[in-house]
Amino acid sequence: DGAAAIVRGTGDDIALVKRHGAQF
């Protein structure tokens, strides 16, 4: 639904992204 994502970065970096109103 495009409301969230998990991003894998270099090394062991992990980012969580989620919709929060009209922003992220």
mmCIF file of all heavy atoms, coordinates in Angstrom:
data_MODEL
# 
_entry.id   MODEL 
# 
loop_
_atom_site.group_PDB 
_atom_site.id 
_atom_site.type_symbol 
_atom_site.label_atom_id 
_atom_site.label_alt_id 
_atom_site.label_comp_id 
_atom_site.label_asym_id 
_atom_site.label_entity_id 
_atom_site.label_seq_id 
_atom_site.pdbx_PDB_ins_code 
_atom_site.Cartn_x 
_atom_site.Cartn_y 
_atom_site.Cartn_z 
_atom_site.occupancy 
_atom_site.B_iso_or_equiv 
_atom_site.pdbx_formal_charge 
_atom_site.auth_seq_id 
_atom_site.auth_comp_id 
_atom_site.auth_asym_id 
_atom_site.auth_atom_id 
_atom_site.pdbx_PDB_model_num 
ATOM 1   N N   . ASP A 1 1  ? 0.803  -1.223 0.000  1.00 0.00 ? 1  ASP A N   1 
ATOM 2   C CA  . ASP A 1 1  ? 0.000  0.000  0.000  1.00 0.00 ? 1  ASP A CA  1 
ATOM 3   C C   . ASP A 1 1  ? 0.836  1.274  0.000  1.00 0.00 ? 1  ASP A C   1 
ATOM 4   O O   . ASP A 1 1  ? 0.292  2.373  -0.022 1.00 0.00 ? 1  ASP A O   1 
ATOM 5   C CB  . ASP A 1 1  ? -0.954 0.017  1.193  1.00 0.00 ? 1  ASP A CB  1 
ATOM 6   C CG  . ASP A 1 1  ? -0.237 -0.054 2.537  1.00 0.00 ? 1  ASP A CG  1 
ATOM 7   O OD1 . ASP A 1 1  ? 1.014  -0.135 2.555  1.00 0.00 ? 1  ASP A OD1 1 
ATOM 8   O OD2 . ASP A 1 1  ? -0.926 -0.041 3.564  1.00 0.00 ? 1  ASP A OD2 1 
ATOM 9   N N   . GLY A 1 2  ? 2.163  1.152  0.016  1.00 0.00 ? 2  GLY A N   1 
ATOM 10  C CA  . GLY A 1 2  ? 3.039  2.317  -0.013 1.00 0.00 ? 2  GLY A CA  1 
ATOM 11  C C   . GLY A 1 2  ? 3.103  3.071  1.296  1.00 0.00 ? 2  GLY A C   1 
ATOM 12  O O   . GLY A 1 2  ? 3.612  4.187  1.348  1.00 0.00 ? 2  GLY A O   1 
ATOM 13  N N   . ALA A 1 3  ? 2.603  2.476  2.371  1.00 0.00 ? 3  ALA A N   1 
ATOM 14  C CA  . ALA A 1 3  ? 2.565  3.161  3.662  1.00 0.00 ? 3  ALA A CA  1 
ATOM 15  C C   . ALA A 1 3  ? 3.818  2.934  4.497  1.00 0.00 ? 3  ALA A C   1 
ATOM 16  O O   . ALA A 1 3  ? 4.060  3.676  5.453  1.00 0.00 ? 3  ALA A O   1 
ATOM 17  C CB  . ALA A 1 3  ? 1.339  2.711  4.460  1.00 0.00 ? 3  ALA A CB  1 
ATOM 18  N N   . ALA A 1 4  ? 4.628  1.938  4.163  1.00 0.00 ? 4  ALA A N   1 
ATOM 19  C CA  . ALA A 1 4  ? 5.791  1.626  4.982  1.00 0.00 ? 4  ALA A CA  1 
ATOM 20  C C   . ALA A 1 4  ? 6.856  0.927  4.144  1.00 0.00 ? 4  ALA A C   1 
ATOM 21  O O   . ALA A 1 4  ? 6.571  0.386  3.074  1.00 0.00 ? 4  ALA A O   1 
ATOM 22  C CB  . ALA A 1 4  ? 5.391  0.732  6.144  1.00 0.00 ? 4  ALA A CB  1 
ATOM 23  N N   . ALA A 1 5  ? 8.073  0.953  4.666  1.00 0.00 ? 5  ALA A N   1 
ATOM 24  C CA  . ALA A 1 5  ? 9.193  0.278  3.993  1.00 0.00 ? 5  ALA A CA  1 
ATOM 25  C C   . ALA A 1 5  ? 10.277 -0.013 5.012  1.00 0.00 ? 5  ALA A C   1 
ATOM 26  O O   . ALA A 1 5  ? 10.363 0.635  6.056  1.00 0.00 ? 5  ALA A O   1 
ATOM 27  C CB  . ALA A 1 5  ? 9.754  1.141  2.874  1.00 0.00 ? 5  ALA A CB  1 
ATOM 28  N N   . ILE A 1 6  ? 11.091 -0.999 4.689  1.00 0.00 ? 6  ILE A N   1 
ATOM 29  C CA  . ILE A 1 6  ? 12.303 -1.286 5.443  1.00 0.00 ? 6  ILE A CA  1 
ATOM 30  C C   . ILE A 1 6  ? 13.455 -1.150 4.470  1.00 0.00 ? 6  ILE A C   1 
ATOM 31  O O   . ILE A 1 6  ? 13.428 -1.718 3.384  1.00 0.00 ? 6  ILE A O   1 
ATOM 32  C CB  . ILE A 1 6  ? 12.279 -2.697 6.053  1.00 0.00 ? 6  ILE A CB  1 
ATOM 33  C CG1 . ILE A 1 6  ? 11.155 -2.782 7.075  1.00 0.00 ? 6  ILE A CG1 1 
ATOM 34  C CG2 . ILE A 1 6  ? 13.611 -3.030 6.682  1.00 0.00 ? 6  ILE A CG2 1 
ATOM 35  C CD1 . ILE A 1 6  ? 11.069 -4.103 7.768  1.00 0.00 ? 6  ILE A CD1 1 
ATOM 36  N N   . VAL A 1 7  ? 14.454 -0.362 4.867  1.00 0.00 ? 7  VAL A N   1 
ATOM 37  C CA  . VAL A 1 7  ? 15.586 -0.084 3.998  1.00 0.00 ? 7  VAL A CA  1 
ATOM 38  C C   . VAL A 1 7  ? 16.831 -0.678 4.633  1.00 0.00 ? 7  VAL A C   1 
ATOM 39  O O   . VAL A 1 7  ? 17.143 -0.403 5.787  1.00 0.00 ? 7  VAL A O   1 
ATOM 40  C CB  . VAL A 1 7  ? 15.763 1.441  3.781  1.00 0.00 ? 7  VAL A CB  1 
ATOM 41  C CG1 . VAL A 1 7  ? 16.920 1.703  2.831  1.00 0.00 ? 7  VAL A CG1 1 
ATOM 42  C CG2 . VAL A 1 7  ? 14.485 2.062  3.263  1.00 0.00 ? 7  VAL A CG2 1 
ATOM 43  N N   . ARG A 1 8  ? 17.547 -1.463 3.853  1.00 0.00 ? 8  ARG A N   1 
ATOM 44  C CA  . ARG A 1 8  ? 18.811 -2.055 4.305  1.00 0.00 ? 8  ARG A CA  1 
ATOM 45  C C   . ARG A 1 8  ? 19.938 -1.151 3.833  1.00 0.00 ? 8  ARG A C   1 
ATOM 46  O O   . ARG A 1 8  ? 20.009 -0.773 2.669  1.00 0.00 ? 8  ARG A O   1 
ATOM 47  C CB  . ARG A 1 8  ? 18.972 -3.446 3.708  1.00 0.00 ? 8  ARG A CB  1 
ATOM 48  C CG  . ARG A 1 8  ? 20.338 -4.065 3.857  1.00 0.00 ? 8  ARG A CG  1 
ATOM 49  C CD  . ARG A 1 8  ? 20.615 -4.425 5.328  1.00 0.00 ? 8  ARG A CD  1 
ATOM 50  N NE  . ARG A 1 8  ? 22.005 -4.744 5.523  1.00 0.00 ? 8  ARG A NE  1 
ATOM 51  C CZ  . ARG A 1 8  ? 22.504 -5.977 5.489  1.00 0.00 ? 8  ARG A CZ  1 
ATOM 52  N NH1 . ARG A 1 8  ? 21.717 -6.993 5.267  1.00 0.00 ? 8  ARG A NH1 1 
ATOM 53  N NH2 . ARG A 1 8  ? 23.785 -6.173 5.677  1.00 0.00 ? 8  ARG A NH2 1 
ATOM 54  N N   . GLY A 1 9  ? 20.798 -0.791 4.762  1.00 0.00 ? 9  GLY A N   1 
ATOM 55  C CA  . GLY A 1 9  ? 21.929 0.053  4.436  1.00 0.00 ? 9  GLY A CA  1 
ATOM 56  C C   . GLY A 1 9  ? 23.222 -0.729 4.466  1.00 0.00 ? 9  GLY A C   1 
ATOM 57  O O   . GLY A 1 9  ? 23.246 -1.944 4.689  1.00 0.00 ? 9  GLY A O   1 
ATOM 58  N N   . THR A 1 10 ? 24.321 -0.036 4.233  1.00 0.00 ? 10 THR A N   1 
ATOM 59  C CA  . THR A 1 10 ? 25.636 -0.680 4.281  1.00 0.00 ? 10 THR A CA  1 
ATOM 60  C C   . THR A 1 10 ? 25.922 -1.122 5.706  1.00 0.00 ? 10 THR A C   1 
ATOM 61  O O   . THR A 1 10 ? 25.428 -0.541 6.668  1.00 0.00 ? 10 THR A O   1 
ATOM 62  C CB  . THR A 1 10 ? 26.723 0.294  3.800  1.00 0.00 ? 10 THR A CB  1 
ATOM 63  O OG1 . THR A 1 10 ? 26.668 1.471  4.599  1.00 0.00 ? 10 THR A OG1 1 
ATOM 64  C CG2 . THR A 1 10 ? 26.529 0.646  2.340  1.00 0.00 ? 10 THR A CG2 1 
ATOM 65  N N   . GLY A 1 11 ? 26.705 -2.148 5.813  1.00 0.00 ? 11 GLY A N   1 
ATOM 66  C CA  . GLY A 1 11 ? 27.005 -2.679 7.134  1.00 0.00 ? 11 GLY A CA  1 
ATOM 67  C C   . GLY A 1 11 ? 25.773 -3.333 7.711  1.00 0.00 ? 11 GLY A C   1 
ATOM 68  O O   . GLY A 1 11 ? 25.106 -4.119 7.073  1.00 0.00 ? 11 GLY A O   1 
ATOM 69  N N   . ASP A 1 12 ? 25.466 -2.996 8.942  1.00 0.00 ? 12 ASP A N   1 
ATOM 70  C CA  . ASP A 1 12 ? 24.287 -3.547 9.613  1.00 0.00 ? 12 ASP A CA  1 
ATOM 71  C C   . ASP A 1 12 ? 23.184 -2.514 9.774  1.00 0.00 ? 12 ASP A C   1 
ATOM 72  O O   . ASP A 1 12 ? 22.292 -2.686 10.592 1.00 0.00 ? 12 ASP A O   1 
ATOM 73  C CB  . ASP A 1 12 ? 24.680 -4.099 10.984 1.00 0.00 ? 12 ASP A CB  1 
ATOM 74  C CG  . ASP A 1 12 ? 24.628 -5.607 11.034 1.00 0.00 ? 12 ASP A CG  1 
ATOM 75  O OD1 . ASP A 1 12 ? 24.320 -6.220 10.006 1.00 0.00 ? 12 ASP A OD1 1 
ATOM 76  O OD2 . ASP A 1 12 ? 24.886 -6.171 12.116 1.00 0.00 ? 12 ASP A OD2 1 
ATOM 77  N N   . ASP A 1 13 ? 23.230 -1.430 9.009  1.00 0.00 ? 13 ASP A N   1 
ATOM 78  C CA  . ASP A 1 13 ? 22.238 -0.364 9.135  1.00 0.00 ? 13 ASP A CA  1 
ATOM 79  C C   . ASP A 1 13 ? 20.887 -0.799 8.565  1.00 0.00 ? 13 ASP A C   1 
ATOM 80  O O   . ASP A 1 13 ? 20.811 -1.365 7.479  1.00 0.00 ? 13 ASP A O   1 
ATOM 81  C CB  . ASP A 1 13 ? 22.689 0.894  8.392  1.00 0.00 ? 13 ASP A CB  1 
ATOM 82  C CG  . ASP A 1 13 ? 23.897 1.544  9.028  1.00 0.00 ? 13 ASP A CG  1 
ATOM 83  O OD1 . ASP A 1 13 ? 24.176 1.242  10.211 1.00 0.00 ? 13 ASP A OD1 1 
ATOM 84  O OD2 . ASP A 1 13 ? 24.557 2.352  8.356  1.00 0.00 ? 13 ASP A OD2 1 
ATOM 85  N N   . ILE A 1 14 ? 19.832 -0.539 9.328  1.00 0.00 ? 14 ILE A N   1 
ATOM 86  C CA  . ILE A 1 14 ? 18.465 -0.822 8.899  1.00 0.00 ? 14 ILE A CA  1 
ATOM 87  C C   . ILE A 1 14 ? 17.625 0.387  9.264  1.00 0.00 ? 14 ILE A C   1 
ATOM 88  O O   . ILE A 1 14 ? 17.715 0.915  10.366 1.00 0.00 ? 14 ILE A O   1 
ATOM 89  C CB  . ILE A 1 14 ? 17.897 -2.083 9.588  1.00 0.00 ? 14 ILE A CB  1 
ATOM 90  C CG1 . ILE A 1 14 ? 18.770 -3.301 9.270  1.00 0.00 ? 14 ILE A CG1 1 
ATOM 91  C CG2 . ILE A 1 14 ? 16.454 -2.314 9.168  1.00 0.00 ? 14 ILE A CG2 1 
ATOM 92  C CD1 . ILE A 1 14 ? 18.437 -4.516 10.089 1.00 0.00 ? 14 ILE A CD1 1 
ATOM 93  N N   . ALA A 1 15 ? 16.782 0.827  8.327  1.00 0.00 ? 15 ALA A N   1 
ATOM 94  C CA  . ALA A 1 15 ? 15.893 1.957  8.574  1.00 0.00 ? 15 ALA A CA  1 
ATOM 95  C C   . ALA A 1 15 ? 14.446 1.518  8.388  1.00 0.00 ? 15 ALA A C   1 
ATOM 96  O O   . ALA A 1 15 ? 14.126 0.789  7.446  1.00 0.00 ? 15 ALA A O   1 
ATOM 97  C CB  . ALA A 1 15 ? 16.208 3.102  7.624  1.00 0.00 ? 15 ALA A CB  1 
ATOM 98  N N   . LEU A 1 16 ? 13.594 1.962  9.292  1.00 0.00 ? 16 LEU A N   1 
ATOM 99  C CA  . LEU A 1 16 ? 12.161 1.749  9.166  1.00 0.00 ? 16 LEU A CA  1 
ATOM 100 C C   . LEU A 1 16 ? 11.533 3.053  8.707  1.00 0.00 ? 16 LEU A C   1 
ATOM 101 O O   . LEU A 1 16 ? 11.837 4.114  9.246  1.00 0.00 ? 16 LEU A O   1 
ATOM 102 C CB  . LEU A 1 16 ? 11.553 1.338  10.504 1.00 0.00 ? 16 LEU A CB  1 
ATOM 103 C CG  . LEU A 1 16 ? 12.064 0.049  11.131 1.00 0.00 ? 16 LEU A CG  1 
ATOM 104 C CD1 . LEU A 1 16 ? 11.388 -0.185 12.473 1.00 0.00 ? 16 LEU A CD1 1 
ATOM 105 C CD2 . LEU A 1 16 ? 11.826 -1.124 10.219 1.00 0.00 ? 16 LEU A CD2 1 
ATOM 106 N N   . VAL A 1 17 ? 10.677 2.967  7.712  1.00 0.00 ? 17 VAL A N   1 
ATOM 107 C CA  . VAL A 1 17 ? 9.990  4.142  7.177  1.00 0.00 ? 17 VAL A CA  1 
ATOM 108 C C   . VAL A 1 17 ? 8.500  3.862  7.245  1.00 0.00 ? 17 VAL A C   1 
ATOM 109 O O   . VAL A 1 17 ? 8.044  2.799  6.827  1.00 0.00 ? 17 VAL A O   1 
ATOM 110 C CB  . VAL A 1 17 ? 10.382 4.398  5.698  1.00 0.00 ? 17 VAL A CB  1 
ATOM 111 C CG1 . VAL A 1 17 ? 9.716  5.656  5.179  1.00 0.00 ? 17 VAL A CG1 1 
ATOM 112 C CG2 . VAL A 1 17 ? 11.880 4.443  5.519  1.00 0.00 ? 17 VAL A CG2 1 
ATOM 113 N N   . LYS A 1 18 ? 7.733  4.833  7.796  1.00 0.00 ? 18 LYS A N   1 
ATOM 114 C CA  . LYS A 1 18 ? 6.283  4.674  7.788  1.00 0.00 ? 18 LYS A CA  1 
ATOM 115 C C   . LYS A 1 18 ? 5.616  6.017  7.587  1.00 0.00 ? 18 LYS A C   1 
ATOM 116 O O   . LYS A 1 18 ? 6.180  7.063  7.897  1.00 0.00 ? 18 LYS A O   1 
ATOM 117 C CB  . LYS A 1 18 ? 5.777  3.998  9.057  1.00 0.00 ? 18 LYS A CB  1 
ATOM 118 C CG  . LYS A 1 18 ? 5.849  4.825  10.319 1.00 0.00 ? 18 LYS A CG  1 
ATOM 119 C CD  . LYS A 1 18 ? 5.244  4.034  11.461 1.00 0.00 ? 18 LYS A CD  1 
ATOM 120 C CE  . LYS A 1 18 ? 5.273  4.811  12.758 1.00 0.00 ? 18 LYS A CE  1 
ATOM 121 N NZ  . LYS A 1 18 ? 4.644  4.066  13.837 1.00 0.00 ? 18 LYS A NZ  1 
ATOM 122 N N   . ARG A 1 19 ? 4.417  5.946  7.029  1.00 0.00 ? 19 ARG A N   1 
ATOM 123 C CA  . ARG A 1 19 ? 3.646  7.159  6.791  1.00 0.00 ? 19 ARG A CA  1 
ATOM 124 C C   . ARG A 1 19 ? 3.154  7.686  8.129  1.00 0.00 ? 19 ARG A C   1 
ATOM 125 O O   . ARG A 1 19 ? 2.688  6.940  8.990  1.00 0.00 ? 19 ARG A O   1 
ATOM 126 C CB  . ARG A 1 19 ? 2.473  6.856  5.869  1.00 0.00 ? 19 ARG A CB  1 
ATOM 127 C CG  . ARG A 1 19 ? 1.649  8.075  5.544  1.00 0.00 ? 19 ARG A CG  1 
ATOM 128 C CD  . ARG A 1 19 ? 0.570  7.819  4.542  1.00 0.00 ? 19 ARG A CD  1 
ATOM 129 N NE  . ARG A 1 19 ? -0.155 6.601  4.822  1.00 0.00 ? 19 ARG A NE  1 
ATOM 130 C CZ  . ARG A 1 19 ? -0.631 5.804  3.871  1.00 0.00 ? 19 ARG A CZ  1 
ATOM 131 N NH1 . ARG A 1 19 ? -0.430 6.079  2.609  1.00 0.00 ? 19 ARG A NH1 1 
ATOM 132 N NH2 . ARG A 1 19 ? -1.302 4.731  4.184  1.00 0.00 ? 19 ARG A NH2 1 
ATOM 133 N N   . HIS A 1 20 ? 3.261  9.001  8.284  1.00 0.00 ? 20 HIS A N   1 
ATOM 134 C CA  . HIS A 1 20 ? 2.772  9.663  9.498  1.00 0.00 ? 20 HIS A CA  1 
ATOM 135 C C   . HIS A 1 20 ? 2.037  10.918 9.042  1.00 0.00 ? 20 HIS A C   1 
ATOM 136 O O   . HIS A 1 20 ? 2.643  11.963 8.834  1.00 0.00 ? 20 HIS A O   1 
ATOM 137 C CB  . HIS A 1 20 ? 3.950  10.008 10.417 1.00 0.00 ? 20 HIS A CB  1 
ATOM 138 C CG  . HIS A 1 20 ? 3.533  10.626 11.712 1.00 0.00 ? 20 HIS A CG  1 
ATOM 139 N ND1 . HIS A 1 20 ? 2.921  9.906  12.696 1.00 0.00 ? 20 HIS A ND1 1 
ATOM 140 C CD2 . HIS A 1 20 ? 3.635  11.891 12.167 1.00 0.00 ? 20 HIS A CD2 1 
ATOM 141 C CE1 . HIS A 1 20 ? 2.665  10.704 13.711 1.00 0.00 ? 20 HIS A CE1 1 
ATOM 142 N NE2 . HIS A 1 20 ? 3.089  11.914 13.418 1.00 0.00 ? 20 HIS A NE2 1 
ATOM 143 N N   . GLY A 1 21 ? 0.739  10.773 8.798  1.00 0.00 ? 21 GLY A N   1 
ATOM 144 C CA  . GLY A 1 21 ? -0.035 11.883 8.232  1.00 0.00 ? 21 GLY A CA  1 
ATOM 145 C C   . GLY A 1 21 ? 0.340  12.071 6.780  1.00 0.00 ? 21 GLY A C   1 
ATOM 146 O O   . GLY A 1 21 ? 0.306  11.140 5.988  1.00 0.00 ? 21 GLY A O   1 
ATOM 147 N N   . ALA A 1 22 ? 0.731  13.290 6.431  1.00 0.00 ? 22 ALA A N   1 
ATOM 148 C CA  . ALA A 1 22 ? 1.134  13.585 5.057  1.00 0.00 ? 22 ALA A CA  1 
ATOM 149 C C   . ALA A 1 22 ? 2.649  13.548 4.905  1.00 0.00 ? 22 ALA A C   1 
ATOM 150 O O   . ALA A 1 22 ? 3.173  13.900 3.857  1.00 0.00 ? 22 ALA A O   1 
ATOM 151 C CB  . ALA A 1 22 ? 0.600  14.951 4.631  1.00 0.00 ? 22 ALA A CB  1 
ATOM 152 N N   . GLN A 1 23 ? 3.357  13.115 5.934  1.00 0.00 ? 23 GLN A N   1 
ATOM 153 C CA  . GLN A 1 23 ? 4.811  13.052 5.933  1.00 0.00 ? 23 GLN A CA  1 
ATOM 154 C C   . GLN A 1 23 ? 5.247  11.607 6.190  1.00 0.00 ? 23 GLN A C   1 
ATOM 155 O O   . GLN A 1 23 ? 4.424  10.707 6.273  1.00 0.00 ? 23 GLN A O   1 
ATOM 156 C CB  . GLN A 1 23 ? 5.391  13.976 7.011  1.00 0.00 ? 23 GLN A CB  1 
ATOM 157 C CG  . GLN A 1 23 ? 4.988  15.421 6.871  1.00 0.00 ? 23 GLN A CG  1 
ATOM 158 C CD  . GLN A 1 23 ? 5.587  16.058 5.639  1.00 0.00 ? 23 GLN A CD  1 
ATOM 159 O OE1 . GLN A 1 23 ? 6.712  15.782 5.274  1.00 0.00 ? 23 GLN A OE1 1 
ATOM 160 N NE2 . GLN A 1 23 ? 4.814  16.906 4.986  1.00 0.00 ? 23 GLN A NE2 1 
ATOM 161 N N   . PHE A 1 24 ? 6.542  11.422 6.347  1.00 0.00 ? 24 PHE A N   1 
ATOM 162 C CA  . PHE A 1 24 ? 7.083  10.108 6.670  1.00 0.00 ? 24 PHE A CA  1 
ATOM 163 C C   . PHE A 1 24 ? 7.909  10.194 7.939  1.00 0.00 ? 24 PHE A C   1 
ATOM 164 O O   . PHE A 1 24 ? 8.617  11.182 8.161  1.00 0.00 ? 24 PHE A O   1 
ATOM 165 C CB  . PHE A 1 24 ? 7.954  9.574  5.526  1.00 0.00 ? 24 PHE A CB  1 
ATOM 166 C CG  . PHE A 1 24 ? 7.186  9.362  4.265  1.00 0.00 ? 24 PHE A CG  1 
ATOM 167 C CD1 . PHE A 1 24 ? 7.241  10.282 3.234  1.00 0.00 ? 24 PHE A CD1 1 
ATOM 168 C CD2 . PHE A 1 24 ? 6.379  8.244  4.115  1.00 0.00 ? 24 PHE A CD2 1 
ATOM 169 C CE1 . PHE A 1 24 ? 6.521  10.096 2.078  1.00 0.00 ? 24 PHE A CE1 1 
ATOM 170 C CE2 . PHE A 1 24 ? 5.655  8.055  2.963  1.00 0.00 ? 24 PHE A CE2 1 
ATOM 171 C CZ  . PHE A 1 24 ? 5.719  8.976  1.943  1.00 0.00 ? 24 PHE A CZ  1 
# 
